[in-house]
C-alpha atoms as a PDB file:
ATOM      1  CA  MET A   1     -44.533  37.895 -42.642  1.00  0.00           C
ATOM      2  CA  SER A   2     -43.103  41.076 -43.906  1.00  0.00           C
ATOM      3  CA  LYS A   3     -39.425  41.236 -44.877  1.00  0.00           C
ATOM      4  CA  LEU A   4     -36.997  43.677 -42.936  1.00  0.00           C
ATOM      5  CA  PRO A   5     -34.882  45.864 -45.174  1.00  0.00           C
ATOM      6  CA  ASN A   6     -31.163  44.771 -45.318  1.00  0.00           C
ATOM      7  CA  ASN A   7     -28.977  45.578 -42.485  1.00  0.00           C
ATOM      8  CA  ASP A   8     -31.805  46.534 -40.125  1.00  0.00           C
ATOM      9  CA  THR A   9     -32.149  44.808 -36.830  1.00  0.00           C
ATOM     10  CA  PRO A  10     -35.473  44.353 -35.337  1.00  0.00           C
ATOM     11  CA  PRO A  11     -35.926  46.564 -32.070  1.00  0.00           C
ATOM     12  CA  THR A  12     -36.837  43.798 -29.928  1.00  0.00           C
ATOM     13  CA  VAL A  13     -33.546  42.009 -30.728  1.00  0.00           C
ATOM     14  CA  MET A  14     -31.499  45.089 -30.422  1.00  0.00           C
ATOM     15  CA  GLY A  15     -33.243  45.693 -26.914  1.00  0.00           C
ATOM     16  CA  ALA A  16     -32.838  42.288 -25.841  1.00  0.00           C
ATOM     17  CA  SER A  17     -28.949  42.064 -26.664  1.00  0.00           C
ATOM     18  CA  ARG A  18     -28.453  45.268 -24.725  1.00  0.00           C
ATOM     19  CA  LYS A  19     -30.249  43.823 -21.749  1.00  0.00           C
ATOM     20  CA  ALA A  20     -28.457  40.744 -21.901  1.00  0.00           C
ATOM     21  CA  ILE A  21     -25.070  42.552 -21.903  1.00  0.00           C
ATOM     22  CA  LEU A  22     -26.059  44.786 -19.064  1.00  0.00           C
ATOM     23  CA  LEU A  23     -27.004  41.787 -17.008  1.00  0.00           C
ATOM     24  CA  ALA A  24     -23.881  39.990 -17.763  1.00  0.00           C
ATOM     25  CA  LEU A  25     -21.741  42.879 -16.596  1.00  0.00           C
ATOM     26  CA  LEU A  26     -24.066  43.448 -13.397  1.00  0.00           C
ATOM     27  CA  ILE A  27     -23.157  39.545 -12.678  1.00  0.00           C
ATOM     28  CA  GLY A  28     -19.412  39.878 -13.299  1.00  0.00           C
ATOM     29  CA  LEU A  29     -19.261  42.986 -11.296  1.00  0.00           C
ATOM     30  CA  ALA A  30     -21.323  41.290  -8.319  1.00  0.00           C
ATOM     31  CA  ALA A  31     -19.029  37.868  -8.719  1.00  0.00           C
ATOM     32  CA  GLY A  32     -15.787  40.275  -8.174  1.00  0.00           C
ATOM     33  CA  ILE A  33     -17.021  42.007  -5.200  1.00  0.00           C
ATOM     34  CA  LEU A  34     -18.402  38.947  -3.568  1.00  0.00           C
ATOM     35  CA  THR A  35     -14.968  37.207  -4.209  1.00  0.00           C
ATOM     36  CA  ALA A  36     -12.747  40.098  -2.900  1.00  0.00           C
ATOM     37  CA  VAL A  37     -15.145  40.128   0.388  1.00  0.00           C
ATOM     38  CA  LEU A  38     -14.594  36.592   0.905  1.00  0.00           C
ATOM     39  CA  ILE A  39     -10.894  36.506   0.494  1.00  0.00           C
ATOM     40  CA  ALA A  40     -10.806  39.579   3.210  1.00  0.00           C
ATOM     41  CA  ILE A  41     -13.161  37.810   5.647  1.00  0.00           C
ATOM     42  CA  VAL A  42     -12.225  33.914   5.583  1.00  0.00           C
ATOM     43  CA  PRO A  43      -9.076  33.154   7.380  1.00  0.00           C
ATOM     44  CA  ASP A  44      -6.888  30.375   5.850  1.00  0.00           C
ATOM     45  CA  GLY A  45      -5.438  29.344   9.348  1.00  0.00           C
ATOM     46  CA  SER A  46      -2.295  31.637   9.277  1.00  0.00           C
ATOM     47  CA  ALA A  47      -1.298  35.172   9.043  1.00  0.00           C
ATOM     48  CA  PRO A  48       2.296  36.174   8.217  1.00  0.00           C
ATOM     49  CA  SER A  49       4.041  38.327  11.053  1.00  0.00           C
ATOM     50  CA  LYS A  50       4.713  41.722  10.223  1.00  0.00           C
ATOM     51  CA  THR A  51       8.223  42.499   9.292  1.00  0.00           C
ATOM     52  CA  ALA A  52       9.939  46.234   9.230  1.00  0.00           C
ATOM     53  CA  GLY A  53       9.071  47.949   5.812  1.00  0.00           C
ATOM     54  CA  GLN A  54       6.420  45.320   5.046  1.00  0.00           C
ATOM     55  CA  ALA A  55       2.600  46.268   5.782  1.00  0.00           C
ATOM     56  CA  SER A  56       0.501  43.308   7.448  1.00  0.00           C
ATOM     57  CA  THR A  57      -2.388  42.164   5.342  1.00  0.00           C
ATOM     58  CA  GLY A  58      -4.796  39.567   6.308  1.00  0.00           C
ATOM     59  CA  ARG A  59      -4.178  39.507   9.885  1.00  0.00           C
ATOM     60  CA  ALA A  60      -7.095  37.789  12.140  1.00  0.00           C
ATOM     61  CA  PHE A  61      -8.162  39.611  15.017  1.00  0.00           C
ATOM     62  CA  ILE A  62      -6.982  36.928  17.343  1.00  0.00           C
ATOM     63  CA  GLY A  63      -5.095  37.906  20.720  1.00  0.00           C
ATOM     64  CA  GLY A  64      -4.844  41.031  22.740  1.00  0.00           C
ATOM     65  CA  PRO A  65      -4.368  42.393  26.269  1.00  0.00           C
ATOM     66  CA  PHE A  66      -5.463  40.146  29.055  1.00  0.00           C
ATOM     67  CA  THR A  67      -4.889  40.107  33.010  1.00  0.00           C
ATOM     68  CA  LEU A  68      -4.936  36.634  34.718  1.00  0.00           C
ATOM     69  CA  THR A  69      -3.446  34.659  37.642  1.00  0.00           C
ATOM     70  CA  ASP A  70      -0.784  31.971  37.506  1.00  0.00           C
ATOM     71  CA  GLY A  71      -0.645  28.915  39.655  1.00  0.00           C
ATOM     72  CA  SER A  72       1.600  30.767  42.430  1.00  0.00           C
ATOM     73  CA  GLY A  73      -1.028  33.476  42.639  1.00  0.00           C
ATOM     74  CA  LYS A  74       0.865  35.982  40.751  1.00  0.00           C
ATOM     75  CA  THR A  75      -1.146  38.474  38.402  1.00  0.00           C
ATOM     76  CA  VAL A  76       0.214  38.274  34.898  1.00  0.00           C
ATOM     77  CA  THR A  77      -0.798  40.192  31.668  1.00  0.00           C
ATOM     78  CA  GLU A  78      -0.026  39.488  28.248  1.00  0.00           C
ATOM     79  CA  LYS A  79       3.164  41.934  28.606  1.00  0.00           C
ATOM     80  CA  ASP A  80       4.793  39.525  31.008  1.00  0.00           C
ATOM     81  CA  PHE A  81       5.281  36.924  27.974  1.00  0.00           C
ATOM     82  CA  ALA A  82       6.414  39.457  25.572  1.00  0.00           C
ATOM     83  CA  GLY A  83       9.726  38.954  23.611  1.00  0.00           C
ATOM     84  CA  LYS A  84       9.390  35.159  22.702  1.00  0.00           C
ATOM     85  CA  PRO A  85       6.313  33.544  20.720  1.00  0.00           C
ATOM     86  CA  MET A  86       3.410  32.120  22.842  1.00  0.00           C
ATOM     87  CA  LEU A  87       1.471  28.677  22.218  1.00  0.00           C
ATOM     88  CA  VAL A  88      -1.946  29.400  23.793  1.00  0.00           C
ATOM     89  CA  PHE A  89      -4.603  26.856  24.488  1.00  0.00           C
ATOM     90  CA  PHE A  90      -7.827  27.025  26.150  1.00  0.00           C
ATOM     91  CA  GLY A  91      -9.603  24.425  28.099  1.00  0.00           C
ATOM     92  CA  PHE A  92     -10.757  23.193  31.772  1.00  0.00           C
ATOM     93  CA  THR A  93      -9.573  20.941  34.148  1.00  0.00           C
ATOM     94  CA  ASN A  94     -12.795  18.580  34.247  1.00  0.00           C
ATOM     95  CA  CYS A  95     -12.562  18.368  30.395  1.00  0.00           C
ATOM     96  CA  PRO A  96     -13.058  14.481  29.733  1.00  0.00           C
ATOM     97  CA  ASP A  97     -11.189  14.213  26.721  1.00  0.00           C
ATOM     98  CA  VAL A  98     -10.362  17.079  24.096  1.00  0.00           C
ATOM     99  CA  CYS A  99      -8.322  19.131  26.842  1.00  0.00           C
ATOM    100  CA  PRO A 100      -6.114  16.085  27.744  1.00  0.00           C
ATOM    101  CA  ALA A 101      -5.731  15.062  24.472  1.00  0.00           C
ATOM    102  CA  GLY A 102      -4.498  18.493  23.190  1.00  0.00           C
ATOM    103  CA  LEU A 103      -2.322  18.970  26.380  1.00  0.00           C
ATOM    104  CA  GLN A 104      -0.571  15.654  25.519  1.00  0.00           C
ATOM    105  CA  VAL A 105      -0.024  16.824  22.020  1.00  0.00           C
ATOM    106  CA  LEU A 106       1.473  20.030  23.450  1.00  0.00           C
ATOM    107  CA  ALA A 107       3.863  18.145  25.718  1.00  0.00           C
ATOM    108  CA  ALA A 108       4.976  16.108  22.885  1.00  0.00           C
ATOM    109  CA  ALA A 109       5.856  18.999  20.940  1.00  0.00           C
ATOM    110  CA  LEU A 110       7.689  20.733  23.512  1.00  0.00           C
ATOM    111  CA  ASP A 111       9.799  17.555  24.287  1.00  0.00           C
ATOM    112  CA  ARG A 112      10.640  17.152  20.431  1.00  0.00           C
ATOM    113  CA  LEU A 113      11.501  20.968  20.647  1.00  0.00           C
ATOM    114  CA  GLY A 114      14.346  20.043  23.159  1.00  0.00           C
ATOM    115  CA  ASP A 115      16.504  23.044  24.208  1.00  0.00           C
ATOM    116  CA  LYS A 116      14.542  25.354  21.729  1.00  0.00           C
ATOM    117  CA  ALA A 117      11.157  24.857  23.746  1.00  0.00           C
ATOM    118  CA  GLN A 118      12.684  27.515  25.921  1.00  0.00           C
ATOM    119  CA  GLY A 119      11.895  29.980  23.223  1.00  0.00           C
ATOM    120  CA  VAL A 120       8.415  29.366  23.238  1.00  0.00           C
ATOM    121  CA  THR A 121       5.805  30.181  26.285  1.00  0.00           C
ATOM    122  CA  PRO A 122       2.922  27.421  26.383  1.00  0.00           C
ATOM    123  CA  LEU A 123      -0.163  28.651  28.056  1.00  0.00           C
ATOM    124  CA  PHE A 124      -3.123  27.154  29.274  1.00  0.00           C
ATOM    125  CA  ILE A 125      -6.007  29.127  30.128  1.00  0.00           C
ATOM    126  CA  THR A 126      -9.278  27.867  31.722  1.00  0.00           C
ATOM    127  CA  VAL A 127     -12.662  28.562  30.239  1.00  0.00           C
ATOM    128  CA  ASP A 128     -14.059  27.455  33.637  1.00  0.00           C
ATOM    129  CA  PRO A 129     -13.089  30.131  36.226  1.00  0.00           C
ATOM    130  CA  GLU A 130     -15.990  28.902  38.657  1.00  0.00           C
ATOM    131  CA  ARG A 131     -14.297  25.583  39.343  1.00  0.00           C
ATOM    132  CA  ASP A 132     -10.855  26.122  38.080  1.00  0.00           C
ATOM    133  CA  THR A 133      -8.811  28.275  40.342  1.00  0.00           C
ATOM    134  CA  PRO A 134      -5.412  29.429  39.546  1.00  0.00           C
ATOM    135  CA  GLU A 135      -3.701  26.823  41.858  1.00  0.00           C
ATOM    136  CA  LEU A 136      -5.711  24.083  40.512  1.00  0.00           C
ATOM    137  CA  VAL A 137      -5.003  25.063  36.672  1.00  0.00           C
ATOM    138  CA  GLY A 138      -1.362  25.609  37.452  1.00  0.00           C
ATOM    139  CA  LYS A 139      -0.917  21.971  38.773  1.00  0.00           C
ATOM    140  CA  TYR A 140      -3.124  20.803  36.071  1.00  0.00           C
ATOM    141  CA  ALA A 141      -0.976  22.171  33.454  1.00  0.00           C
ATOM    142  CA  LYS A 142       2.299  21.165  34.738  1.00  0.00           C
ATOM    143  CA  SER A 143       1.000  17.670  35.188  1.00  0.00           C
ATOM    144  CA  PHE A 144       1.517  17.415  31.405  1.00  0.00           C
ATOM    145  CA  HIS A 145       4.579  19.256  30.990  1.00  0.00           C
ATOM    146  CA  PRO A 146       6.578  21.494  33.521  1.00  0.00           C
ATOM    147  CA  GLN A 147       7.070  24.227  31.148  1.00  0.00           C
ATOM    148  CA  ILE A 148       3.086  24.572  30.680  1.00  0.00           C
ATOM    149  CA  ILE A 149       1.731  27.792  32.517  1.00  0.00           C
ATOM    150  CA  GLY A 150      -1.620  27.449  33.786  1.00  0.00           C
ATOM    151  CA  LEU A 151      -3.736  30.628  34.174  1.00  0.00           C
ATOM    152  CA  SER A 152      -7.272  31.392  35.583  1.00  0.00           C
ATOM    153  CA  GLY A 153      -8.670  34.588  37.025  1.00  0.00           C
ATOM    154  CA  THR A 154     -12.288  36.120  37.965  1.00  0.00           C
ATOM    155  CA  PRO A 155     -15.150  35.425  35.434  1.00  0.00           C
ATOM    156  CA  GLU A 156     -14.685  38.747  34.052  1.00  0.00           C
ATOM    157  CA  GLN A 157     -10.840  38.460  33.506  1.00  0.00           C
ATOM    158  CA  VAL A 158     -11.270  34.987  31.951  1.00  0.00           C
ATOM    159  CA  ALA A 159     -14.121  36.122  29.702  1.00  0.00           C
ATOM    160  CA  GLY A 160     -11.737  39.060  28.406  1.00  0.00           C
ATOM    161  CA  ALA A 161      -9.184  36.516  27.646  1.00  0.00           C
ATOM    162  CA  VAL A 162     -12.047  34.134  25.801  1.00  0.00           C
ATOM    163  CA  LYS A 163     -13.307  37.236  23.938  1.00  0.00           C
ATOM    164  CA  ALA A 164      -9.559  38.432  22.814  1.00  0.00           C
ATOM    165  CA  TYR A 165      -8.699  35.222  21.212  1.00  0.00           C
ATOM    166  CA  ARG A 166     -12.136  34.560  19.761  1.00  0.00           C
ATOM    167  CA  VAL A 167     -12.657  31.438  21.800  1.00  0.00           C
ATOM    168  CA  TYR A 168     -16.055  29.728  21.772  1.00  0.00           C
ATOM    169  CA  ALA A 169     -17.062  28.535  25.371  1.00  0.00           C
ATOM    170  CA  ARG A 170     -20.635  27.998  26.618  1.00  0.00           C
ATOM    171  CA  LYS A 171     -21.558  26.249  29.891  1.00  0.00           C
ATOM    172  CA  GLN A 172     -23.989  23.299  29.218  1.00  0.00           C
ATOM    173  CA  PRO A 173     -26.254  22.098  32.400  1.00  0.00           C
ATOM    174  CA  SER A 174     -25.847  18.343  33.609  1.00  0.00           C
ATOM    175  CA  GLU A 175     -28.091  16.006  31.835  1.00  0.00           C
ATOM    176  CA  SER A 176     -29.032  14.808  35.182  1.00  0.00           C
ATOM    177  CA  GLY A 177     -30.348  18.146  35.863  1.00  0.00           C
ATOM    178  CA  GLY A 178     -27.978  18.458  39.039  1.00  0.00           C
ATOM    179  CA  ALA A 179     -25.612  21.252  39.740  1.00  0.00           C
ATOM    180  CA  ASP A 180     -22.607  19.895  37.737  1.00  0.00           C
ATOM    181  CA  TYR A 181     -22.100  20.899  34.303  1.00  0.00           C
ATOM    182  CA  ASN A 182     -19.824  20.716  31.093  1.00  0.00           C
ATOM    183  CA  MET A 183     -18.132  23.113  29.055  1.00  0.00           C
ATOM    184  CA  ASP A 184     -18.434  23.308  25.242  1.00  0.00           C
ATOM    185  CA  HIS A 185     -15.591  25.058  23.723  1.00  0.00           C
ATOM    186  CA  SER A 186     -13.267  25.719  20.643  1.00  0.00           C
ATOM    187  CA  SER A 187     -10.194  23.603  21.073  1.00  0.00           C
ATOM    188  CA  PHE A 188      -7.167  25.252  19.096  1.00  0.00           C
ATOM    189  CA  PHE A 189      -3.507  26.266  19.403  1.00  0.00           C
ATOM    190  CA  TYR A 190      -2.987  29.686  18.867  1.00  0.00           C
ATOM    191  CA  LEU A 191       0.729  30.596  17.799  1.00  0.00           C
ATOM    192  CA  MET A 192       1.587  34.159  18.577  1.00  0.00           C
ATOM    193  CA  ASP A 193       4.854  36.132  17.777  1.00  0.00           C
ATOM    194  CA  ALA A 194       7.200  37.682  19.937  1.00  0.00           C
ATOM    195  CA  SER A 195       4.878  40.954  19.971  1.00  0.00           C
ATOM    196  CA  GLY A 196       1.863  38.983  20.659  1.00  0.00           C
ATOM    197  CA  ALA A 197       0.351  39.028  17.064  1.00  0.00           C
ATOM    198  CA  TYR A 198      -1.458  36.196  15.820  1.00  0.00           C
ATOM    199  CA  VAL A 199       0.463  34.169  13.434  1.00  0.00           C
ATOM    200  CA  LYS A 200      -1.644  30.741  12.857  1.00  0.00           C
ATOM    201  CA  HIS A 201      -3.453  28.182  14.581  1.00  0.00           C
ATOM    202  CA  PHE A 202      -3.791  24.393  14.920  1.00  0.00           C
ATOM    203  CA  PRO A 203      -6.631  22.022  15.670  1.00  0.00           C
ATOM    204  CA  TYR A 204      -6.076  20.381  19.156  1.00  0.00           C
ATOM    205  CA  SER A 205      -5.674  16.913  17.238  1.00  0.00           C
ATOM    206  CA  THR A 206      -2.815  18.090  15.309  1.00  0.00           C
ATOM    207  CA  ASP A 207       0.371  15.998  14.767  1.00  0.00           C
ATOM    208  CA  ALA A 208       2.960  16.941  17.530  1.00  0.00           C
ATOM    209  CA  ILE A 209       5.623  16.824  14.999  1.00  0.00           C
ATOM    210  CA  LYS A 210       3.942  19.424  12.608  1.00  0.00           C
ATOM    211  CA  LEU A 211       3.262  21.711  15.758  1.00  0.00           C
ATOM    212  CA  ALA A 212       7.129  21.500  16.809  1.00  0.00           C
ATOM    213  CA  ASP A 213       8.263  22.233  13.508  1.00  0.00           C
ATOM    214  CA  ASP A 214       6.050  25.297  12.971  1.00  0.00           C
ATOM    215  CA  VAL A 215       6.869  26.521  16.534  1.00  0.00           C
ATOM    216  CA  ALA A 216      10.614  26.283  15.723  1.00  0.00           C
ATOM    217  CA  ALA A 217      10.313  28.107  12.612  1.00  0.00           C
ATOM    218  CA  GLN A 218       8.466  30.981  14.649  1.00  0.00           C
ATOM    219  CA  ILE A 219      11.063  30.827  17.314  1.00  0.00           C
ATOM    220  CA  GLN A 220      13.863  31.217  14.786  1.00  0.00           C
ATOM    221  CA  SER A 221      12.004  33.843  12.935  1.00  0.00           C
ATOM    222  CA  SER A 222      11.648  35.842  16.297  1.00  0.00           C
ATOM    223  CA  ALA A 223      15.317  35.528  17.050  1.00  0.00           C
ATOM    224  CA  GLN A 224      16.269  37.164  13.678  1.00  0.00           C
ATOM    225  CA  PRO A 225      16.925  41.039  14.098  1.00  0.00           C
ATOM    226  CA  ALA A 226      14.500  43.191  12.165  1.00  0.00           C
ATOM    227  CA  ARG A 227      15.518  44.691   8.508  1.00  0.00           C
ATOM    228  CA  LEU A 228      16.275  48.182   8.350  1.00  0.00           C
END
């Protein structure tokens, strides 16, 4: 084997070193970009409300305009509930377990809030407008708590609300093959601030005390005057 002169590096080794360094830099750059993308698109379950002089960052695109009908037959929009936080829950009156369980949690949270409960608007919006008339949904919601407002509407109106809140809702035919059907749907409480902007969400099985405490904090935050 021939001996290389002192201080000389084999060309193959030098080329391999450069390739290794370049590959490491590319991997590091890709990892950094991927991390930034994941942080931007994956929600953590909450988004801080925007205050005066503070830019909002990381806000989830949940909520927005809707037109529905309440139990008395009155047409309402999101503007009718502006001025105080909303707690929005989607479901349907024929729901066998998830919706009743969620509404019981909501009722318990409202009871825990006591007089403070007047500072939040709890809404129950059906995902099954074909069977859930406004009157039926209104009575169903109030059977759990008199403060809960039940809302329905035309299939198009309900679809608009479902889309605005990024709710999953899908009709599932009956196993018997008859005309009856069930509704698969996501089951979260959506806490919105006084301007209708998304704050955070809770699973339907969340602890009622935790739900009440977070709602109380949002009520207090909404009552504070904006800083100039």
